[in-house]
Every structure is written in structure tokens, then in C-alpha cells.
């Protein structure tokens, strides 16, 4: 586990990790165990959904250009 500074509690806390399943993909949430502030939430193999309680916009996947 990692320690993070919680902007709501104003102290360093050990992050709480929860794992759920959503449409066959595992969703991992790392949050503050005291106030519930979400540091990051992401789907394994897909990417970040929420960072510091703010939703991350979804960008269309771009094709890689090969020389």
C-alpha cells in the first residue's frame, strides 16, 4: 500500500484499494479510508476513469502511424 496526502482530511493516509467488476472488466478504486475521497479510479486494460475526484475525458483511440 502507498501513503498519500488527502486534500480533504489534510493528512497523510494509507490508501484503500477496492476492486469491482463492471461489464467483465476489473475496476480498481484507490481512496482515502477516512473520508472516502477518490484518488484514482481505473479499469484494468482500459485506462483511467477518475483522477482526484474529477472525471477524465475519453479520447478516441488513434491509430499508430508506421513510417
PDB file of N, CA and C in Angstrom:
ATOM      1  N   UNK A   1       0.832  -1.184   0.000  1.00  0.00           N
ATOM      2  CA  UNK A   1       0.000   0.000   0.000  1.00  0.00           C
ATOM      3  C   UNK A   1       0.881   1.255   0.000  1.00  0.00           C
ATOM      4  N   UNK A   2       0.327   2.317  -0.515  1.00  0.00           N
ATOM      5  CA  UNK A   2       1.069   3.575  -0.580  1.00  0.00           C
ATOM      6  C   UNK A   2       0.403   4.617   0.307  1.00  0.00           C
ATOM      7  N   UNK A   3       1.211   5.536   0.765  1.00  0.00           N
ATOM      8  CA  UNK A   3       0.676   6.645   1.548  1.00  0.00           C
ATOM      9  C   UNK A   3       0.490   7.829   0.623  1.00  0.00           C
ATOM     10  N   UNK A   4      -0.618   8.548   0.816  1.00  0.00           N
ATOM     11  CA  UNK A   4      -0.913   9.734   0.023  1.00  0.00           C
ATOM     12  C   UNK A   4      -1.417  10.834   0.935  1.00  0.00           C
ATOM     13  N   UNK A   5      -1.282  12.077   0.472  1.00  0.00           N
ATOM     14  CA  UNK A   5      -1.819  13.201   1.209  1.00  0.00           C
ATOM     15  C   UNK A   5      -3.246  13.438   0.751  1.00  0.00           C
ATOM     16  N   UNK A   6      -4.178  13.420   1.681  1.00  0.00           N
ATOM     17  CA  UNK A   6      -5.600  13.646   1.356  1.00  0.00           C
ATOM     18  C   UNK A   6      -5.903  15.137   1.493  1.00  0.00           C
ATOM     19  N   UNK A   7      -6.393  15.786   0.408  1.00  0.00           N
ATOM     20  CA  UNK A   7      -6.690  17.213   0.479  1.00  0.00           C
ATOM     21  C   UNK A   7      -7.922  17.529   1.342  1.00  0.00           C
ATOM     22  N   UNK A   8      -8.773  16.551   1.608  1.00  0.00           N
ATOM     23  CA  UNK A   8      -9.959  16.765   2.429  1.00  0.00           C
ATOM     24  C   UNK A   8      -9.613  16.625   3.916  1.00  0.00           C
ATOM     25  N   UNK A   9      -8.951  15.531   4.283  1.00  0.00           N
ATOM     26  CA  UNK A   9      -8.565  15.277   5.682  1.00  0.00           C
ATOM     27  C   UNK A   9      -7.377  16.134   6.110  1.00  0.00           C
ATOM     28  N   UNK A  10      -6.577  16.597   5.128  1.00  0.00           N
ATOM     29  CA  UNK A  10      -5.374  17.381   5.379  1.00  0.00           C
ATOM     30  C   UNK A  10      -4.319  16.599   6.160  1.00  0.00           C
ATOM     31  N   UNK A  11      -4.225  15.285   5.879  1.00  0.00           N
ATOM     32  CA  UNK A  11      -3.170  14.489   6.497  1.00  0.00           C
ATOM     33  C   UNK A  11      -2.779  13.342   5.573  1.00  0.00           C
ATOM     34  N   UNK A  12      -1.664  12.706   5.881  1.00  0.00           N
ATOM     35  CA  UNK A  12      -1.167  11.591   5.093  1.00  0.00           C
ATOM     36  C   UNK A  12      -1.873  10.315   5.540  1.00  0.00           C
ATOM     37  N   UNK A  13      -2.456   9.592   4.595  1.00  0.00           N
ATOM     38  CA  UNK A  13      -3.211   8.375   4.913  1.00  0.00           C
ATOM     39  C   UNK A  13      -2.732   7.223   4.046  1.00  0.00           C
ATOM     40  N   UNK A  14      -2.981   6.020   4.502  1.00  0.00           N
ATOM     41  CA  UNK A  14      -2.701   4.800   3.738  1.00  0.00           C
ATOM     42  C   UNK A  14      -3.896   4.605   2.796  1.00  0.00           C
ATOM     43  N   UNK A  15      -3.669   4.572   1.474  1.00  0.00           N
ATOM     44  CA  UNK A  15      -4.799   4.482   0.547  1.00  0.00           C
ATOM     45  C   UNK A  15      -5.497   3.132   0.635  1.00  0.00           C
ATOM     46  N   UNK A  16      -6.817   3.155   0.463  1.00  0.00           N
ATOM     47  CA  UNK A  16      -7.645   1.956   0.500  1.00  0.00           C
ATOM     48  C   UNK A  16      -7.927   1.548  -0.947  1.00  0.00           C
ATOM     49  N   UNK A  17      -7.648   0.290  -1.276  1.00  0.00           N
ATOM     50  CA  UNK A  17      -7.839  -0.212  -2.635  1.00  0.00           C
ATOM     51  C   UNK A  17      -9.032  -1.144  -2.662  1.00  0.00           C
ATOM     52  N   UNK A  18      -9.994  -0.864  -3.553  1.00  0.00           N
ATOM     53  CA  UNK A  18     -11.152  -1.748  -3.735  1.00  0.00           C
ATOM     54  C   UNK A  18     -11.197  -2.196  -5.191  1.00  0.00           C
ATOM     55  N   UNK A  19     -11.605  -3.435  -5.386  1.00  0.00           N
ATOM     56  CA  UNK A  19     -11.690  -3.998  -6.742  1.00  0.00           C
ATOM     57  C   UNK A  19     -13.113  -4.489  -6.981  1.00  0.00           C
ATOM     58  N   UNK A  20     -13.682  -4.094  -8.131  1.00  0.00           N
ATOM     59  CA  UNK A  20     -15.034  -4.488  -8.522  1.00  0.00           C
ATOM     60  C   UNK A  20     -14.984  -4.960  -9.966  1.00  0.00           C
ATOM     61  N   UNK A  21     -16.066  -5.565 -10.423  1.00  0.00           N
ATOM     62  CA  UNK A  21     -16.162  -5.986 -11.815  1.00  0.00           C
ATOM     63  C   UNK A  21     -17.301  -5.217 -12.476  1.00  0.00           C
ATOM     64  N   UNK A  22     -17.009  -4.623 -13.642  1.00  0.00           N
ATOM     65  CA  UNK A  22     -18.003  -3.858 -14.391  1.00  0.00           C
ATOM     66  C   UNK A  22     -17.953  -4.300 -15.849  1.00  0.00           C
ATOM     67  N   UNK A  23     -18.988  -4.976 -16.304  1.00  0.00           N
ATOM     68  CA  UNK A  23     -19.069  -5.478 -17.683  1.00  0.00           C
ATOM     69  C   UNK A  23     -17.857  -6.334 -18.054  1.00  0.00           C
ATOM     70  N   UNK A  24     -17.438  -7.172 -17.137  1.00  0.00           N
ATOM     71  CA  UNK A  24     -16.336  -8.083 -17.404  1.00  0.00           C
ATOM     72  C   UNK A  24     -14.957  -7.482 -17.215  1.00  0.00           C
ATOM     73  N   UNK A  25     -14.867  -6.193 -16.934  1.00  0.00           N
ATOM     74  CA  UNK A  25     -13.575  -5.538 -16.701  1.00  0.00           C
ATOM     75  C   UNK A  25     -13.442  -5.214 -15.221  1.00  0.00           C
ATOM     76  N   UNK A  26     -12.237  -5.397 -14.688  1.00  0.00           N
ATOM     77  CA  UNK A  26     -11.994  -5.106 -13.283  1.00  0.00           C
ATOM     78  C   UNK A  26     -11.795  -3.602 -13.091  1.00  0.00           C
ATOM     79  N   UNK A  27     -12.539  -3.006 -12.140  1.00  0.00           N
ATOM     80  CA  UNK A  27     -12.425  -1.590 -11.819  1.00  0.00           C
ATOM     81  C   UNK A  27     -11.710  -1.472 -10.482  1.00  0.00           C
ATOM     82  N   UNK A  28     -10.602  -0.734 -10.455  1.00  0.00           N
ATOM     83  CA  UNK A  28      -9.815  -0.545  -9.241  1.00  0.00           C
ATOM     84  C   UNK A  28     -10.009   0.901  -8.778  1.00  0.00           C
ATOM     85  N   UNK A  29     -10.337   1.071  -7.487  1.00  0.00           N
ATOM     86  CA  UNK A  29     -10.514   2.394  -6.902  1.00  0.00           C
ATOM     87  C   UNK A  29      -9.557   2.547  -5.733  1.00  0.00           C
ATOM     88  N   UNK A  30      -8.789   3.641  -5.731  1.00  0.00           N
ATOM     89  CA  UNK A  30      -7.887   3.942  -4.623  1.00  0.00           C
ATOM     90  C   UNK A  30      -8.430   5.195  -3.953  1.00  0.00           C
ATOM     91  N   UNK A  31      -8.785   5.069  -2.667  1.00  0.00           N
ATOM     92  CA  UNK A  31      -9.434   6.168  -1.972  1.00  0.00           C
ATOM     93  C   UNK A  31      -8.904   6.337  -0.557  1.00  0.00           C
ATOM     94  N   UNK A  32      -9.324   7.430   0.088  1.00  0.00           N
ATOM     95  CA  UNK A  32      -8.961   7.721   1.473  1.00  0.00           C
ATOM     96  C   UNK A  32      -9.850   6.880   2.385  1.00  0.00           C
ATOM     97  N   UNK A  33      -9.281   6.143   3.335  1.00  0.00           N
ATOM     98  CA  UNK A  33     -10.094   5.300   4.209  1.00  0.00           C
ATOM     99  C   UNK A  33     -10.908   6.106   5.231  1.00  0.00           C
ATOM    100  N   UNK A  34     -10.544   7.363   5.456  1.00  0.00           N
ATOM    101  CA  UNK A  34     -11.232   8.158   6.467  1.00  0.00           C
ATOM    102  C   UNK A  34     -12.415   8.943   5.909  1.00  0.00           C
ATOM    103  N   UNK A  35     -12.221   9.648   4.785  1.00  0.00           N
ATOM    104  CA  UNK A  35     -13.308  10.483   4.250  1.00  0.00           C
ATOM    105  C   UNK A  35     -13.907   9.949   2.952  1.00  0.00           C
ATOM    106  N   UNK A  36     -13.232   8.999   2.273  1.00  0.00           N
ATOM    107  CA  UNK A  36     -13.760   8.431   1.043  1.00  0.00           C
ATOM    108  C   UNK A  36     -13.363   9.176  -0.217  1.00  0.00           C
ATOM    109  N   UNK A  37     -12.483  10.171  -0.122  1.00  0.00           N
ATOM    110  CA  UNK A  37     -12.004  10.911  -1.291  1.00  0.00           C
ATOM    111  C   UNK A  37     -11.331   9.945  -2.257  1.00  0.00           C
ATOM    112  N   UNK A  38     -11.715   9.986  -3.544  1.00  0.00           N
ATOM    113  CA  UNK A  38     -11.172   9.070  -4.554  1.00  0.00           C
ATOM    114  C   UNK A  38      -9.925   9.686  -5.173  1.00  0.00           C
ATOM    115  N   UNK A  39      -8.768   9.022  -4.956  1.00  0.00           N
ATOM    116  CA  UNK A  39      -7.524   9.478  -5.561  1.00  0.00           C
ATOM    117  C   UNK A  39      -7.506   9.128  -7.046  1.00  0.00           C
ATOM    118  N   UNK A  40      -7.830   7.872  -7.364  1.00  0.00           N
ATOM    119  CA  UNK A  40      -7.845   7.425  -8.762  1.00  0.00           C
ATOM    120  C   UNK A  40      -8.784   6.232  -8.891  1.00  0.00           C
ATOM    121  N   UNK A  41      -9.434   6.138 -10.060  1.00  0.00           N
ATOM    122  CA  UNK A  41     -10.325   5.012 -10.365  1.00  0.00           C
ATOM    123  C   UNK A  41     -10.069   4.649 -11.818  1.00  0.00           C
ATOM    124  N   UNK A  42      -9.794   3.373 -12.077  1.00  0.00           N
ATOM    125  CA  UNK A  42      -9.498   2.968 -13.446  1.00  0.00           C
ATOM    126  C   UNK A  42      -9.961   1.555 -13.717  1.00  0.00           C
ATOM    127  N   UNK A  43     -10.167   1.255 -15.016  1.00  0.00           N
ATOM    128  CA  UNK A  43     -10.486  -0.093 -15.471  1.00  0.00           C
ATOM    129  C   UNK A  43      -9.193  -0.727 -15.956  1.00  0.00           C
ATOM    130  N   UNK A  44      -8.924  -1.936 -15.506  1.00  0.00           N
ATOM    131  CA  UNK A  44      -7.722  -2.651 -15.909  1.00  0.00           C
ATOM    132  C   UNK A  44      -7.818  -2.937 -17.405  1.00  0.00           C
ATOM    133  N   UNK A  45      -6.821  -2.544 -18.163  1.00  0.00           N
ATOM    134  CA  UNK A  45      -6.778  -2.771 -19.599  1.00  0.00           C
ATOM    135  C   UNK A  45      -7.470  -1.696 -20.411  1.00  0.00           C
ATOM    136  N   UNK A  46      -8.157  -0.756 -19.758  1.00  0.00           N
ATOM    137  CA  UNK A  46      -8.871   0.303 -20.480  1.00  0.00           C
ATOM    138  C   UNK A  46      -8.234   1.663 -20.198  1.00  0.00           C
ATOM    139  N   UNK A  47      -8.082   2.005 -18.931  1.00  0.00           N
ATOM    140  CA  UNK A  47      -7.450   3.278 -18.583  1.00  0.00           C
ATOM    141  C   UNK A  47      -8.132   3.977 -17.434  1.00  0.00           C
ATOM    142  N   UNK A  48      -7.737   5.212 -17.204  1.00  0.00           N
ATOM    143  CA  UNK A  48      -8.192   5.995 -16.067  1.00  0.00           C
ATOM    144  C   UNK A  48      -9.600   6.524 -16.302  1.00  0.00           C
ATOM    145  N   UNK A  49     -10.469   6.380 -15.295  1.00  0.00           N
ATOM    146  CA  UNK A  49     -11.823   6.909 -15.355  1.00  0.00           C
ATOM    147  C   UNK A  49     -11.957   8.191 -14.533  1.00  0.00           C
ATOM    148  N   UNK A  50     -11.346   8.207 -13.346  1.00  0.00           N
ATOM    149  CA  UNK A  50     -11.426   9.351 -12.446  1.00  0.00           C
ATOM    150  C   UNK A  50     -10.052   9.590 -11.827  1.00  0.00           C
ATOM    151  N   UNK A  51      -9.656  10.859 -11.757  1.00  0.00           N
ATOM    152  CA  UNK A  51      -8.399  11.213 -11.123  1.00  0.00           C
ATOM    153  C   UNK A  51      -8.649  12.393 -10.202  1.00  0.00           C
ATOM    154  N   UNK A  52      -8.361  12.232  -8.905  1.00  0.00           N
ATOM    155  CA  UNK A  52      -8.585  13.250  -7.884  1.00  0.00           C
ATOM    156  C   UNK A  52     -10.033  13.757  -7.912  1.00  0.00           C
ATOM    157  N   UNK A  53     -10.982  12.834  -7.944  1.00  0.00           N
ATOM    158  CA  UNK A  53     -12.424  13.093  -7.935  1.00  0.00           C
ATOM    159  C   UNK A  53     -12.936  13.837  -9.166  1.00  0.00           C
ATOM    160  N   UNK A  54     -12.148  13.957 -10.222  1.00  0.00           N
ATOM    161  CA  UNK A  54     -12.566  14.601 -11.462  1.00  0.00           C
ATOM    162  C   UNK A  54     -12.593  13.561 -12.576  1.00  0.00           C
ATOM    163  N   UNK A  55     -13.709  13.465 -13.337  1.00  0.00           N
ATOM    164  CA  UNK A  55     -13.743  12.516 -14.451  1.00  0.00           C
ATOM    165  C   UNK A  55     -12.734  12.900 -15.540  1.00  0.00           C
ATOM    166  N   UNK A  56     -12.106  11.900 -16.107  1.00  0.00           N
ATOM    167  CA  UNK A  56     -11.133  12.111 -17.171  1.00  0.00           C
ATOM    168  C   UNK A  56     -11.857  11.957 -18.499  1.00  0.00           C
ATOM    169  N   UNK A  57     -11.733  12.945 -19.418  1.00  0.00           N
ATOM    170  CA  UNK A  57     -12.429  12.828 -20.701  1.00  0.00           C
ATOM    171  C   UNK A  57     -11.895  11.653 -21.504  1.00  0.00           C
ATOM    172  N   UNK A  58     -12.790  11.021 -22.238  1.00  0.00           N
ATOM    173  CA  UNK A  58     -12.400   9.865 -23.049  1.00  0.00           C
ATOM    174  C   UNK A  58     -11.972  10.342 -24.422  1.00  0.00           C
ATOM    175  N   UNK A  59     -10.777  10.005 -24.799  1.00  0.00           N
ATOM    176  CA  UNK A  59     -10.278  10.382 -26.114  1.00  0.00           C
ATOM    177  C   UNK A  59     -10.392   9.186 -27.048  1.00  0.00           C
ATOM    178  N   UNK A  60     -10.731   9.442 -28.313  1.00  0.00           N
ATOM    179  CA  UNK A  60     -10.800   8.312 -29.251  1.00  0.00           C
ATOM    180  C   UNK A  60      -9.421   7.711 -29.449  1.00  0.00           C
ATOM    181  N   UNK A  61      -9.392   6.413 -29.587  1.00  0.00           N
ATOM    182  CA  UNK A  61      -8.101   5.743 -29.791  1.00  0.00           C
ATOM    183  C   UNK A  61      -7.594   6.075 -31.188  1.00  0.00           C
ATOM    184  N   UNK A  62      -6.346   6.525 -31.245  1.00  0.00           N
ATOM    185  CA  UNK A  62      -5.749   6.875 -32.528  1.00  0.00           C
ATOM    186  C   UNK A  62      -4.945   5.707 -33.059  1.00  0.00           C
ATOM    187  N   UNK A  63      -4.924   5.587 -34.353  1.00  0.00           N
ATOM    188  CA  UNK A  63      -4.119   4.539 -34.971  1.00  0.00           C
ATOM    189  C   UNK A  63      -2.672   4.999 -35.031  1.00  0.00           C
ATOM    190  N   UNK A  64      -1.777   4.080 -34.779  1.00  0.00           N
ATOM    191  CA  UNK A  64      -0.355   4.401 -34.815  1.00  0.00           C
ATOM    192  C   UNK A  64       0.112   4.492 -36.263  1.00  0.00           C
ATOM    193  N   UNK A  65       0.879   5.512 -36.566  1.00  0.00           N
ATOM    194  CA  UNK A  65       1.453   5.633 -37.899  1.00  0.00           C
ATOM    195  C   UNK A  65       2.786   4.903 -37.911  1.00  0.00           C
ATOM    196  N   UNK A  66       2.936   4.031 -38.855  1.00  0.00           N
ATOM    197  CA  UNK A  66       4.207   3.344 -39.030  1.00  0.00           C
ATOM    198  C   UNK A  66       4.901   3.939 -40.236  1.00  0.00           C
ATOM    199  N   UNK A  67       6.038   4.455 -40.039  1.00  0.00           N
ATOM    200  CA  UNK A  67       6.859   5.115 -41.061  1.00  0.00           C
ATOM    201  C   UNK A  67       6.270   5.008 -42.402  1.00  0.00           C
TER     202      UNK A  67
END
